[in-house]
Protein backbone atom coordinates (compact mmCIF):
# COMPACT_ATOMS: atom_id res chain seq x y z
CA UNK A 1 47.94 -76.21 20.90
CA UNK A 2 45.69 -73.17 20.57
CA UNK A 3 42.91 -72.68 23.12
CA UNK A 4 39.57 -70.97 22.47
CA UNK A 5 38.06 -69.46 25.63
CA UNK A 6 34.38 -68.47 25.43
CA UNK A 7 32.87 -66.24 28.13
CA UNK A 8 29.14 -65.46 28.33
CA UNK A 9 27.58 -62.96 30.75
CA UNK A 10 24.10 -62.38 32.13
CA UNK A 11 23.75 -58.78 33.25
CA UNK A 12 21.75 -57.29 36.12
CA UNK A 13 18.32 -56.16 34.92
CA UNK A 14 18.83 -52.88 36.76
CA UNK A 15 22.09 -52.12 34.92
CA UNK A 16 22.17 -49.14 32.58
CA UNK A 17 23.11 -49.28 28.92
CA UNK A 18 26.14 -47.14 29.77
CA UNK A 19 27.32 -49.59 32.44
CA UNK A 20 26.85 -52.50 30.05
CA UNK A 21 28.84 -50.74 27.32
CA UNK A 22 31.60 -49.91 29.81
CA UNK A 23 31.78 -53.58 30.84
CA UNK A 24 32.10 -54.68 27.21
CA UNK A 25 34.78 -52.06 26.53
CA UNK A 26 36.74 -53.17 29.62
CA UNK A 27 36.64 -56.80 28.53
CA UNK A 28 37.66 -56.02 24.94
CA UNK A 29 40.53 -53.85 26.24
CA UNK A 30 42.06 -56.95 27.83
CA UNK A 31 43.42 -57.84 24.37
CA UNK A 32 45.96 -55.03 24.69
CA UNK A 33 46.21 -54.69 28.46
CA UNK A 34 47.04 -58.32 29.25
CA UNK A 35 50.80 -58.80 29.01
CA UNK A 36 53.35 -61.27 30.28
CA UNK A 37 56.01 -60.18 32.79
CA UNK A 38 58.33 -59.32 29.87
CA UNK A 39 55.68 -56.95 28.47
CA UNK A 40 54.68 -59.12 25.50
CA UNK A 41 51.03 -59.49 24.55
CA UNK A 42 49.75 -63.05 24.57
CA UNK A 43 46.06 -62.90 23.61
CA UNK A 44 45.92 -63.95 19.96
CA UNK A 45 42.45 -62.49 19.36
CA UNK A 46 39.47 -61.23 21.34
CA UNK A 47 36.03 -60.46 19.93
CA UNK A 48 32.64 -60.01 21.49
CA UNK A 49 29.09 -58.85 21.07
CA UNK A 50 25.50 -58.85 22.25
CA UNK A 51 23.35 -61.98 22.09
CA UNK A 52 21.26 -61.83 18.90
CA UNK A 53 20.11 -65.43 18.35
CA UNK A 54 16.42 -65.73 17.44
CA UNK A 55 16.32 -69.35 18.69
CA UNK A 56 15.24 -68.50 22.23
CA UNK A 57 17.97 -70.62 23.82
CA UNK A 58 20.18 -67.87 25.23
CA UNK A 59 19.44 -68.86 28.85
CA UNK A 60 19.48 -65.20 29.92
CA UNK A 61 23.05 -64.64 28.74
CA UNK A 62 23.39 -61.27 27.04
CA UNK A 63 27.04 -60.65 26.14
CA UNK A 64 29.53 -63.09 24.67
CA UNK A 65 33.28 -62.96 24.14
CA UNK A 66 35.71 -65.29 22.38
CA UNK A 67 39.35 -65.16 23.44
CA UNK A 68 42.03 -67.12 21.58
CA UNK A 69 45.34 -68.14 23.12
CA UNK A 70 48.27 -69.77 21.32
CA UNK A 71 49.00 -72.14 24.20
CA UNK A 72 47.47 -73.64 27.30
CA UNK A 73 50.22 -71.91 29.27
CA UNK A 74 49.01 -68.52 28.00
CA UNK A 75 45.46 -69.32 29.10
CA UNK A 76 46.70 -70.45 32.51
CA UNK A 77 48.65 -67.20 32.92
CA UNK A 78 45.52 -65.22 31.97
CA UNK A 79 43.33 -67.09 34.44
CA UNK A 80 45.71 -67.27 37.38
CA UNK A 81 48.27 -64.47 37.20
CA UNK A 82 47.40 -61.63 34.83
CA UNK A 83 46.62 -58.60 37.02
CA UNK A 84 44.41 -56.95 34.38
CA UNK A 85 42.22 -60.02 33.95
CA UNK A 86 42.03 -60.68 37.69
CA UNK A 87 41.00 -57.05 38.28
CA UNK A 88 38.29 -57.34 35.63
CA UNK A 89 37.00 -60.64 37.03
CA UNK A 90 36.83 -59.28 40.56
CA UNK A 91 35.58 -55.78 39.87
CA UNK A 92 32.20 -55.73 38.20
CA UNK A 93 30.18 -54.43 41.12
CA UNK A 94 27.23 -56.76 40.70
CA UNK A 95 26.76 -55.93 37.01
CA UNK A 96 27.41 -59.54 35.99
CA UNK A 97 24.80 -61.78 37.63
CA UNK A 98 25.86 -65.03 35.97
CA UNK A 99 28.58 -66.29 33.66
CA UNK A 100 29.32 -69.34 31.58
CA UNK A 101 32.83 -70.24 30.46
CA UNK A 102 33.62 -72.89 27.86
CA UNK A 103 37.15 -73.62 26.64
CA UNK A 104 38.23 -75.96 23.88
CA UNK A 105 41.11 -76.87 21.63
CA UNK A 106 39.93 -76.54 18.01
CA UNK A 107 39.48 -79.93 16.36
CA UNK A 108 39.90 -81.98 19.55
CA UNK A 109 36.87 -84.04 20.51
């Protein structure tokens, strides 16, 4: 079953626009950089953008990304073993001050 993985970031108020853009570019690059041991890409799609909702319910989260995986196994590999993702998650130098992650299988309630 496909898995949709949503990641939302709050960014340090002191961060520069350049640092924020670099963070977004690094996350979006995971689409092509994340590969299985055999070299095959496994992220079905990855999109993202800046929070633009006028509803006032963003809870301080500024950037959002949606990652789609074909299988739960692909998501597990991404979260636990993929060196590119693990390096991204561990190397943001205080730029990300908070995060929210929400995963679901489309149509399953």
